[in-house]
Amino acid sequence: MKTKMRGFVALLMAAMIMVGMIPTRSEAKKVTYYRTKKVFLQTKETKIVKTTKKIKKVVGVNQTLKGVAKGKKISSKKIKFTPGKASGNTGLDEEDIMVTYTNGKKQKFIVKTVNQYLEKIAKKLRPLVKNPDEGLRIIAHEYEQCYQTGKKDYFENLKSNPRAYKNMLKRTANKKYTYEWTASENFGGECTVDDIIKKATKSQKIALILETYCDMNMKYNKDSKGRPVHGESGVKNRYKAIYQGTYKGVCGESSERLYEICEVIGVKAGLASNPKENHEWLCIAAVDKNGKKYWQGVPASSYARCLLWKTKVGTDGFDWEVSPKSYGKDIFNVVIRRTYAEE
């Protein structure tokens, strides 16, 4: 009798679940999440974030470990975030802090501690990208001075051929030159700074500012025969090297450094790759003069963009694939113009 009764109860409960009268375990545990937020901290900075909902608890993944960013509830609607320890090679120490509200909903905060030299780079670039017209003038002048003072070698690309490099130095010895920042439009005619300010959109100007900064401070890492050398020259603090203009890295390494710079200064960027060609590069979300959205290629240390290749691109790495149509073309790219100054 008991066995029959148990069977009847089981069938009854199954029928009630099917018609929705009793929630399943998975339905009962379903949690709604608010949009994830990012919090950037300098190594000696604390930040208090106010929430619109009442907080129940704040839990971090690695909160018991030393040297990681932490989150603490300090009132019903306030969270205090303290920084971790960012190394010179990662640039950003990242920790996930989960906040549970009294209404049962949750929200993830990604707390990123910024390396001190990465923050110095950001301080340099933030005002330039905020006002890209004036920023482009400033960075272009600095770029010209790099060549004028000899900080950048106009014949850098010839160094893998010592004989050609030596002959070129002899031919240009005792001659004076002036240098001017220009950008080639669609790999065609050269445009001056004034031309770009008139023709380019805000996002395109930002791309050129970043490209110019990289060309001044980052070099492609190669041996004496021009072959790529991985490892970013083995430096302990990559962002210190960028800040000081001594950084060397291949395409993928330097693009990842530029991606983190973009993240800190608030420029939406993505990493693009083509495994078949063994090439990676950075791009930023841009809009052309007709209002069409596309991805603008920005070389960090390698000018081999290859935008007609089938690529993978995403704002968090190589996570989704796009066609060349939605990726777009290089509308502009930086070129230095050298002119012989007669005595």
Protein backbone atom coordinates (compact mmCIF):
# COMPACT_ATOMS: atom_id res chain seq x y z
CA MET A 1 0.00 0.00 0.00
CA LYS A 2 2.87 2.37 0.95
CA THR A 3 4.69 1.58 -2.28
CA LYS A 4 1.60 2.41 -4.35
CA MET A 5 1.09 5.61 -2.39
CA ARG A 6 4.70 6.72 -2.97
CA GLY A 7 4.34 6.02 -6.69
CA PHE A 8 1.16 8.05 -6.84
CA VAL A 9 2.79 11.01 -5.03
CA ALA A 10 5.82 10.90 -7.37
CA LEU A 11 3.58 10.94 -10.44
CA LEU A 12 1.53 13.80 -8.99
CA MET A 13 4.62 15.91 -8.29
CA ALA A 14 6.03 15.23 -11.77
CA ALA A 15 2.74 16.38 -13.31
CA MET A 16 2.73 19.53 -11.16
CA ILE A 17 6.31 20.39 -12.22
CA MET A 18 5.37 19.93 -15.88
CA VAL A 19 2.49 22.41 -15.64
CA GLY A 20 4.62 24.89 -13.64
CA MET A 21 2.89 24.57 -10.28
CA ILE A 22 6.20 23.59 -8.56
CA PRO A 23 9.46 25.33 -9.63
CA THR A 24 12.43 23.13 -10.54
CA ARG A 25 15.71 23.40 -8.63
CA SER A 26 17.40 25.24 -11.50
CA GLU A 27 14.58 27.76 -11.69
CA ALA A 28 14.68 28.38 -7.96
CA LYS A 29 18.42 29.18 -8.09
CA LYS A 30 18.30 31.41 -11.17
CA VAL A 31 20.12 34.70 -10.44
CA THR A 32 19.83 37.98 -12.32
CA TYR A 33 23.04 39.93 -12.88
CA TYR A 34 23.49 43.66 -13.40
CA ARG A 35 25.98 44.82 -16.04
CA THR A 36 29.63 44.17 -15.15
CA LYS A 37 31.66 47.24 -14.22
CA LYS A 38 35.41 47.89 -14.37
CA VAL A 39 37.28 49.80 -11.67
CA PHE A 40 40.83 51.06 -12.36
CA LEU A 41 43.13 51.76 -9.41
CA GLN A 42 46.67 53.07 -9.16
CA THR A 43 49.02 51.16 -6.86
CA LYS A 44 48.51 53.55 -3.90
CA GLU A 45 44.93 54.57 -4.58
CA THR A 46 41.67 53.54 -2.93
CA LYS A 47 38.30 54.17 -4.52
CA ILE A 48 34.79 54.25 -3.04
CA VAL A 49 32.00 53.25 -5.42
CA LYS A 50 28.39 54.13 -4.71
CA THR A 51 25.63 51.74 -5.76
CA THR A 52 21.94 52.46 -6.40
CA LYS A 53 20.83 49.23 -4.70
CA LYS A 54 21.36 48.11 -1.10
CA ILE A 55 24.31 45.76 -0.64
CA LYS A 56 24.00 42.44 1.16
CA LYS A 57 27.58 41.19 0.84
CA VAL A 58 30.81 41.65 -1.12
CA VAL A 59 32.92 38.60 -1.98
CA GLY A 60 36.22 38.43 -3.85
CA VAL A 61 37.73 35.39 -5.54
CA ASN A 62 41.22 35.75 -4.02
CA GLN A 63 40.52 38.03 -1.07
CA THR A 64 42.59 35.97 1.39
CA LEU A 65 45.77 36.34 -0.70
CA LYS A 66 48.31 39.13 -0.32
CA GLY A 67 48.97 41.58 -3.12
CA VAL A 68 45.56 41.38 -4.80
CA ALA A 69 42.86 44.04 -5.15
CA LYS A 70 40.10 43.82 -2.56
CA GLY A 71 36.52 45.02 -2.14
CA LYS A 72 34.81 45.77 1.18
CA LYS A 73 31.28 46.85 2.06
CA ILE A 74 31.50 50.05 4.14
CA SER A 75 27.82 51.01 4.12
CA SER A 76 24.53 49.80 2.68
CA LYS A 77 25.32 51.47 -0.67
CA LYS A 78 29.11 51.90 -0.71
CA ILE A 79 32.03 49.62 -1.58
CA LYS A 80 35.67 50.45 -0.86
CA PHE A 81 38.15 49.05 -3.36
CA THR A 82 41.86 48.81 -2.53
CA PRO A 83 44.59 48.08 -5.13
CA GLY A 84 46.68 44.99 -5.60
CA LYS A 85 50.26 44.82 -6.82
CA ALA A 86 50.68 45.20 -10.58
CA SER A 87 53.93 43.91 -12.01
CA GLY A 88 55.82 45.61 -14.80
CA ASN A 89 55.05 42.78 -17.19
CA THR A 90 51.32 42.35 -16.73
CA GLY A 91 50.54 46.06 -16.51
CA LEU A 92 47.13 45.37 -15.00
CA ASP A 93 46.48 43.11 -12.01
CA GLU A 94 42.88 41.93 -12.38
CA GLU A 95 40.56 40.65 -9.67
CA ASP A 96 36.84 39.79 -9.77
CA ILE A 97 34.70 41.10 -6.90
CA MET A 98 31.12 39.81 -6.72
CA VAL A 99 28.47 42.00 -5.05
CA THR A 100 25.14 40.55 -3.90
CA TYR A 101 22.31 43.01 -3.31
CA THR A 102 19.42 42.69 -0.87
CA ASN A 103 17.01 42.22 -3.80
CA GLY A 104 18.82 38.95 -4.65
CA LYS A 105 20.53 40.28 -7.79
CA LYS A 106 24.30 40.25 -8.28
CA GLN A 107 26.92 42.37 -10.03
CA LYS A 108 30.55 41.69 -10.90
CA PHE A 109 33.20 44.37 -10.49
CA ILE A 110 36.48 43.79 -12.34
CA VAL A 111 39.08 45.65 -10.29
CA LYS A 112 42.28 46.42 -12.17
CA THR A 113 45.41 47.74 -10.49
CA VAL A 114 47.43 49.83 -12.95
CA ASN A 115 51.22 49.58 -13.15
CA GLN A 116 52.76 52.96 -12.27
CA TYR A 117 54.46 53.37 -15.66
CA LEU A 118 51.28 52.37 -17.48
CA GLU A 119 49.55 55.15 -15.55
CA LYS A 120 52.29 57.62 -16.59
CA ILE A 121 51.69 56.68 -20.23
CA ALA A 122 47.95 57.12 -19.70
CA LYS A 123 48.47 60.58 -18.18
CA LYS A 124 50.38 61.54 -21.31
CA LEU A 125 47.76 60.23 -23.73
CA ARG A 126 44.45 61.07 -22.00
CA PRO A 127 44.49 64.82 -22.78
CA LEU A 128 45.63 64.11 -26.35
CA VAL A 129 42.72 61.79 -27.15
CA LYS A 130 40.25 63.99 -25.26
CA ASN A 131 41.01 66.87 -27.63
CA PRO A 132 42.33 65.05 -30.74
CA ASP A 133 42.79 68.17 -32.88
CA GLU A 134 45.23 69.76 -30.45
CA GLY A 135 46.51 66.32 -29.42
CA LEU A 136 47.46 65.50 -32.99
CA ARG A 137 49.41 68.77 -33.30
CA ILE A 138 51.31 68.06 -30.07
CA ILE A 139 52.21 64.45 -30.85
CA ALA A 140 53.15 65.29 -34.48
CA HIS A 141 55.57 67.98 -33.29
CA GLU A 142 57.16 65.57 -30.80
CA TYR A 143 57.45 62.98 -33.56
CA GLU A 144 59.25 65.44 -35.85
CA GLN A 145 61.65 66.34 -33.03
CA CYS A 146 62.55 62.67 -32.56
CA TYR A 147 63.95 62.62 -36.11
CA GLN A 148 65.41 66.12 -35.94
CA THR A 149 67.41 65.32 -32.80
CA GLY A 150 68.41 61.83 -33.95
CA LYS A 151 66.40 59.95 -31.34
CA LYS A 152 64.77 58.11 -34.23
CA ASP A 153 66.87 56.91 -37.16
CA TYR A 154 65.39 57.71 -40.57
CA PHE A 155 67.23 54.69 -42.02
CA GLU A 156 66.20 52.24 -39.29
CA ASN A 157 64.72 49.84 -41.85
CA LEU A 158 68.14 49.46 -43.51
CA LYS A 159 70.00 48.23 -40.43
CA SER A 160 69.44 44.57 -41.34
CA ASN A 161 71.60 45.30 -44.42
CA PRO A 162 74.80 46.81 -42.93
CA ARG A 163 76.36 47.70 -46.30
CA ALA A 164 73.29 49.60 -47.53
CA TYR A 165 72.92 51.31 -44.16
CA LYS A 166 76.57 52.41 -44.12
CA ASN A 167 76.40 53.70 -47.70
CA MET A 168 73.26 55.72 -46.95
CA LEU A 169 74.90 57.33 -43.93
CA LYS A 170 77.87 58.34 -46.11
CA ARG A 171 75.60 59.82 -48.79
CA THR A 172 73.69 61.94 -46.29
CA ALA A 173 76.63 62.97 -44.10
CA ASN A 174 77.03 66.72 -43.51
CA LYS A 175 73.61 67.43 -45.03
CA LYS A 176 70.77 69.04 -43.15
CA TYR A 177 67.18 67.88 -43.38
CA THR A 178 63.84 68.95 -42.00
CA TYR A 179 61.19 66.43 -40.97
CA GLU A 180 57.42 66.71 -41.14
CA TRP A 181 54.72 64.40 -39.76
CA THR A 182 52.30 63.30 -42.48
CA ALA A 183 49.68 60.60 -42.94
CA SER A 184 48.99 58.78 -46.20
CA GLU A 185 45.31 58.67 -47.12
CA ASN A 186 44.23 55.22 -48.32
CA PHE A 187 47.93 54.52 -48.91
CA GLY A 188 47.88 57.33 -51.47
CA GLY A 189 48.65 61.04 -51.15
CA GLU A 190 50.27 62.46 -48.04
CA CYS A 191 48.20 64.64 -45.70
CA THR A 192 49.60 67.24 -43.29
CA VAL A 193 48.33 67.70 -39.75
CA ASP A 194 46.01 70.47 -40.95
CA ASP A 195 44.68 68.19 -43.73
CA ILE A 196 43.93 65.42 -41.23
CA ILE A 197 42.18 67.78 -38.81
CA LYS A 198 39.88 68.83 -41.66
CA LYS A 199 39.35 65.38 -43.23
CA ALA A 200 39.48 62.78 -40.47
CA THR A 201 36.86 61.91 -37.86
CA LYS A 202 37.57 62.07 -34.13
CA SER A 203 38.16 58.31 -33.86
CA GLN A 204 40.54 58.34 -36.85
CA LYS A 205 42.54 61.16 -35.26
CA ILE A 206 42.76 59.17 -32.02
CA ALA A 207 44.04 56.18 -33.99
CA LEU A 208 46.77 58.36 -35.54
CA ILE A 209 47.73 59.78 -32.13
CA LEU A 210 48.18 56.24 -30.77
CA GLU A 211 50.07 55.11 -33.87
CA THR A 212 52.44 58.08 -33.64
CA TYR A 213 53.07 57.49 -29.93
CA CYS A 214 53.87 53.83 -30.58
CA ASP A 215 56.21 54.64 -33.46
CA MET A 216 58.12 57.02 -31.18
CA ASN A 217 58.40 54.63 -28.23
CA MET A 218 58.17 51.03 -29.49
CA LYS A 219 60.40 49.16 -31.92
CA TYR A 220 60.00 45.81 -33.64
CA ASN A 221 62.28 43.30 -31.95
CA LYS A 222 64.56 41.64 -34.51
CA ASP A 223 68.08 40.31 -34.83
CA SER A 224 70.87 41.67 -37.04
CA LYS A 225 69.42 39.83 -40.05
CA GLY A 226 65.93 41.26 -39.61
CA ARG A 227 64.38 38.10 -38.16
CA PRO A 228 61.78 38.50 -35.36
CA VAL A 229 62.90 37.89 -31.77
CA HIS A 230 60.17 37.04 -29.24
CA GLY A 231 60.30 37.89 -25.55
CA GLU A 232 60.19 41.71 -25.52
CA SER A 233 63.96 41.86 -24.98
CA GLY A 234 63.56 40.20 -21.59
CA VAL A 235 62.84 43.51 -19.81
CA LYS A 236 61.42 43.33 -16.27
CA ASN A 237 59.13 46.33 -16.66
CA ARG A 238 57.65 46.52 -20.16
CA TYR A 239 55.71 49.72 -19.48
CA LYS A 240 58.77 51.46 -18.08
CA ALA A 241 60.53 50.59 -21.35
CA ILE A 242 57.63 52.03 -23.38
CA TYR A 243 57.57 55.17 -21.24
CA GLN A 244 61.32 55.65 -21.74
CA GLY A 245 61.16 54.81 -25.46
CA THR A 246 63.37 51.70 -25.25
CA TYR A 247 60.70 48.99 -25.71
CA LYS A 248 61.19 46.20 -28.27
CA GLY A 249 58.60 43.55 -29.13
CA VAL A 250 57.14 41.64 -32.06
CA CYS A 251 53.68 42.33 -33.49
CA GLY A 252 51.56 40.38 -30.99
CA GLU A 253 53.51 41.41 -27.89
CA SER A 254 53.48 45.13 -28.68
CA SER A 255 49.81 45.04 -29.72
CA GLU A 256 48.86 43.53 -26.34
CA ARG A 257 50.73 46.35 -24.56
CA LEU A 258 48.86 48.93 -26.66
CA TYR A 259 45.56 47.15 -25.92
CA GLU A 260 46.09 47.63 -22.17
CA ILE A 261 47.01 51.29 -22.75
CA CYS A 262 43.73 51.76 -24.66
CA GLU A 263 41.80 50.06 -21.87
CA VAL A 264 43.20 52.45 -19.24
CA ILE A 265 42.63 55.65 -21.27
CA GLY A 266 39.11 54.57 -22.27
CA VAL A 267 39.55 53.91 -25.99
CA LYS A 268 37.53 50.91 -27.23
CA ALA A 269 40.01 48.56 -28.85
CA GLY A 270 40.38 45.00 -30.08
CA LEU A 271 43.13 42.58 -31.01
CA ALA A 272 43.13 41.11 -34.51
CA SER A 273 45.01 38.04 -35.64
CA ASN A 274 45.70 35.87 -38.64
CA PRO A 275 47.26 32.57 -37.47
CA LYS A 276 48.07 31.46 -41.03
CA GLU A 277 50.23 34.54 -41.61
CA ASN A 278 51.51 34.49 -38.00
CA HIS A 279 50.55 38.12 -37.49
CA GLU A 280 48.61 40.06 -34.85
CA TRP A 281 47.73 43.74 -34.60
CA LEU A 282 45.54 46.19 -32.72
CA CYS A 283 42.49 48.04 -33.96
CA ILE A 284 40.12 50.57 -32.45
CA ALA A 285 36.40 51.05 -32.97
CA ALA A 286 36.16 53.89 -35.49
CA VAL A 287 33.66 55.80 -37.60
CA ASP A 288 34.47 57.12 -41.10
CA LYS A 289 33.38 60.48 -42.57
CA ASN A 290 30.14 58.87 -43.84
CA GLY A 291 29.20 57.66 -40.37
CA LYS A 292 30.03 54.00 -41.07
CA LYS A 293 31.43 52.03 -38.15
CA TYR A 294 34.53 49.92 -38.76
CA TRP A 295 37.74 48.70 -37.10
CA GLN A 296 40.75 51.00 -37.69
CA GLY A 297 44.09 49.20 -37.72
CA VAL A 298 46.75 50.69 -35.42
CA PRO A 299 50.25 49.18 -35.67
CA ALA A 300 52.21 49.07 -32.42
CA SER A 301 55.66 48.01 -33.65
CA SER A 302 54.89 46.32 -36.99
CA TYR A 303 53.44 47.98 -40.08
CA ALA A 304 52.37 44.68 -41.70
CA ARG A 305 48.64 45.23 -41.17
CA CYS A 306 47.28 42.88 -43.84
CA LEU A 307 43.68 43.96 -43.36
CA LEU A 308 42.40 42.02 -46.37
CA TRP A 309 43.17 38.76 -44.59
CA LYS A 310 40.44 36.80 -42.87
CA THR A 311 40.84 37.88 -39.27
CA LYS A 312 39.59 37.34 -35.78
CA VAL A 313 38.94 40.40 -33.66
CA GLY A 314 37.27 41.17 -30.35
CA THR A 315 37.34 43.69 -27.54
CA ASP A 316 38.55 41.03 -25.10
CA GLY A 317 41.01 39.28 -27.37
CA PHE A 318 40.67 36.92 -30.31
CA ASP A 319 37.13 35.86 -29.54
CA TRP A 320 34.97 36.45 -32.61
CA GLU A 321 35.49 36.46 -36.32
CA VAL A 322 34.62 39.24 -38.74
CA SER A 323 34.74 39.61 -42.49
CA PRO A 324 36.93 42.17 -44.30
CA LYS A 325 33.76 44.18 -45.09
CA SER A 326 32.98 44.92 -41.45
CA TYR A 327 36.65 45.32 -40.64
CA GLY A 328 37.26 48.10 -43.16
CA LYS A 329 40.46 49.54 -44.57
CA ASP A 330 43.33 51.56 -43.20
CA ILE A 331 42.02 55.04 -43.91
CA PHE A 332 45.25 56.75 -42.80
CA ASN A 333 48.69 55.74 -41.61
CA VAL A 334 51.64 57.78 -40.34
CA VAL A 335 54.58 58.66 -42.62
CA ILE A 336 57.54 60.95 -41.88
CA ARG A 337 58.44 63.33 -44.72
CA ARG A 338 62.11 64.30 -45.02
CA THR A 339 63.16 67.40 -46.95
CA TYR A 340 66.70 68.51 -47.80
CA ALA A 341 67.41 71.91 -46.29
CA GLU A 342 69.74 73.85 -48.58
CA GLU A 343 72.44 75.93 -46.93
